[in-house]
């Protein structure tokens, strides 16, 4: 038998906080990636579709959010010896 006390839960409060942070970053990235409505649907606006916000910033934030989620899942709770 082990002397460690386990609460029966796979994650503790810190894991859930990190998961929430990752989810917020992913949601922000998806909102940045979403498009604005063009005034004339027959006109292709190159600057709007291929903007730096959509092509560079949003995918970087999306990957960052996924890395945060992986960290939150893989993070082991610290054990306290009492």
C-alpha atoms as a PDB file:
ATOM      1  CA  UNK A   1       0.000   0.000   0.000  1.00  0.00           C
ATOM      2  CA  UNK A   2       1.106   3.489  -0.707  1.00  0.00           C
ATOM      3  CA  UNK A   3       1.341   6.249   1.868  1.00  0.00           C
ATOM      4  CA  UNK A   4       0.206   8.835  -0.654  1.00  0.00           C
ATOM      5  CA  UNK A   5      -3.263  10.255  -0.233  1.00  0.00           C
ATOM      6  CA  UNK A   6      -5.209  10.370  -3.459  1.00  0.00           C
ATOM      7  CA  UNK A   7      -8.403  12.307  -3.879  1.00  0.00           C
ATOM      8  CA  UNK A   8      -9.678  10.053  -6.653  1.00  0.00           C
ATOM      9  CA  UNK A   9      -9.712  12.873  -9.181  1.00  0.00           C
ATOM     10  CA  UNK A  10      -7.394  12.895 -12.164  1.00  0.00           C
ATOM     11  CA  UNK A  11      -6.947  16.663 -12.073  1.00  0.00           C
ATOM     12  CA  UNK A  12      -6.728  19.239  -9.337  1.00  0.00           C
ATOM     13  CA  UNK A  13      -7.743  22.898  -9.295  1.00  0.00           C
ATOM     14  CA  UNK A  14      -4.547  24.093 -11.025  1.00  0.00           C
ATOM     15  CA  UNK A  15      -5.113  21.713 -13.933  1.00  0.00           C
ATOM     16  CA  UNK A  16      -8.603  23.092 -14.467  1.00  0.00           C
ATOM     17  CA  UNK A  17      -7.315  26.677 -14.307  1.00  0.00           C
ATOM     18  CA  UNK A  18      -4.718  25.894 -16.996  1.00  0.00           C
ATOM     19  CA  UNK A  19      -7.401  24.181 -19.099  1.00  0.00           C
ATOM     20  CA  UNK A  20      -9.612  27.266 -18.852  1.00  0.00           C
ATOM     21  CA  UNK A  21      -6.712  29.522 -19.870  1.00  0.00           C
ATOM     22  CA  UNK A  22      -6.007  27.293 -22.875  1.00  0.00           C
ATOM     23  CA  UNK A  23      -9.662  27.287 -23.881  1.00  0.00           C
ATOM     24  CA  UNK A  24      -9.830  31.095 -23.701  1.00  0.00           C
ATOM     25  CA  UNK A  25      -6.702  31.415 -25.883  1.00  0.00           C
ATOM     26  CA  UNK A  26      -8.192  28.997 -28.446  1.00  0.00           C
ATOM     27  CA  UNK A  27     -11.488  30.916 -28.512  1.00  0.00           C
ATOM     28  CA  UNK A  28      -9.641  34.212 -29.014  1.00  0.00           C
ATOM     29  CA  UNK A  29      -7.668  32.652 -31.887  1.00  0.00           C
ATOM     30  CA  UNK A  30     -10.827  31.399 -33.564  1.00  0.00           C
ATOM     31  CA  UNK A  31     -12.477  34.802 -33.214  1.00  0.00           C
ATOM     32  CA  UNK A  32      -9.432  36.472 -34.757  1.00  0.00           C
ATOM     33  CA  UNK A  33      -9.518  33.977 -37.609  1.00  0.00           C
ATOM     34  CA  UNK A  34     -13.189  34.549 -38.367  1.00  0.00           C
ATOM     35  CA  UNK A  35     -13.984  36.937 -41.150  1.00  0.00           C
ATOM     36  CA  UNK A  36     -15.710  40.217 -41.416  1.00  0.00           C
ATOM     37  CA  UNK A  37     -18.581  40.773 -43.757  1.00  0.00           C
ATOM     38  CA  UNK A  38     -17.702  42.389 -47.053  1.00  0.00           C
ATOM     39  CA  UNK A  39     -20.007  45.152 -48.259  1.00  0.00           C
ATOM     40  CA  UNK A  40     -20.216  43.660 -51.739  1.00  0.00           C
ATOM     41  CA  UNK A  41     -20.117  39.837 -51.889  1.00  0.00           C
ATOM     42  CA  UNK A  42     -19.085  39.935 -55.547  1.00  0.00           C
ATOM     43  CA  UNK A  43     -15.845  41.817 -54.769  1.00  0.00           C
ATOM     44  CA  UNK A  44     -12.816  39.882 -53.461  1.00  0.00           C
ATOM     45  CA  UNK A  45     -10.943  41.894 -50.834  1.00  0.00           C
ATOM     46  CA  UNK A  46      -7.393  40.515 -50.796  1.00  0.00           C
ATOM     47  CA  UNK A  47      -6.309  42.602 -47.792  1.00  0.00           C
ATOM     48  CA  UNK A  48      -9.212  41.369 -45.671  1.00  0.00           C
ATOM     49  CA  UNK A  49      -8.834  37.677 -46.479  1.00  0.00           C
ATOM     50  CA  UNK A  50      -5.037  37.513 -46.274  1.00  0.00           C
ATOM     51  CA  UNK A  51      -4.470  39.898 -43.383  1.00  0.00           C
ATOM     52  CA  UNK A  52      -1.653  39.345 -40.895  1.00  0.00           C
ATOM     53  CA  UNK A  53      -4.211  38.862 -38.153  1.00  0.00           C
ATOM     54  CA  UNK A  54      -5.779  35.860 -39.914  1.00  0.00           C
ATOM     55  CA  UNK A  55      -2.718  34.300 -41.496  1.00  0.00           C
ATOM     56  CA  UNK A  56      -0.112  34.760 -38.741  1.00  0.00           C
ATOM     57  CA  UNK A  57      -1.457  35.866 -35.357  1.00  0.00           C
ATOM     58  CA  UNK A  58      -4.525  33.618 -35.102  1.00  0.00           C
ATOM     59  CA  UNK A  59      -2.752  30.329 -36.002  1.00  0.00           C
ATOM     60  CA  UNK A  60       0.073  31.102 -33.554  1.00  0.00           C
ATOM     61  CA  UNK A  61      -2.471  31.726 -30.795  1.00  0.00           C
ATOM     62  CA  UNK A  62      -4.310  28.540 -31.742  1.00  0.00           C
ATOM     63  CA  UNK A  63      -1.158  26.424 -31.439  1.00  0.00           C
ATOM     64  CA  UNK A  64      -0.283  28.198 -28.179  1.00  0.00           C
ATOM     65  CA  UNK A  65      -3.724  27.360 -26.795  1.00  0.00           C
ATOM     66  CA  UNK A  66      -3.301  23.706 -27.760  1.00  0.00           C
ATOM     67  CA  UNK A  67       0.120  23.606 -26.078  1.00  0.00           C
ATOM     68  CA  UNK A  68      -1.412  25.088 -22.920  1.00  0.00           C
ATOM     69  CA  UNK A  69      -4.126  22.417 -23.032  1.00  0.00           C
ATOM     70  CA  UNK A  70      -1.515  19.659 -23.388  1.00  0.00           C
ATOM     71  CA  UNK A  71       0.408  21.106 -20.444  1.00  0.00           C
ATOM     72  CA  UNK A  72      -2.773  21.224 -18.358  1.00  0.00           C
ATOM     73  CA  UNK A  73      -3.539  17.584 -19.103  1.00  0.00           C
ATOM     74  CA  UNK A  74       0.005  16.291 -18.581  1.00  0.00           C
ATOM     75  CA  UNK A  75       0.717  18.348 -15.453  1.00  0.00           C
ATOM     76  CA  UNK A  76       0.952  16.230 -12.342  1.00  0.00           C
ATOM     77  CA  UNK A  77      -0.363  17.696  -9.106  1.00  0.00           C
ATOM     78  CA  UNK A  78       2.295  18.481  -6.546  1.00  0.00           C
ATOM     79  CA  UNK A  79       2.228  16.132  -3.590  1.00  0.00           C
ATOM     80  CA  UNK A  80       2.423  17.577  -0.118  1.00  0.00           C
ATOM     81  CA  UNK A  81       3.847  15.474   2.675  1.00  0.00           C
ATOM     82  CA  UNK A  82       2.035  16.046   5.936  1.00  0.00           C
END
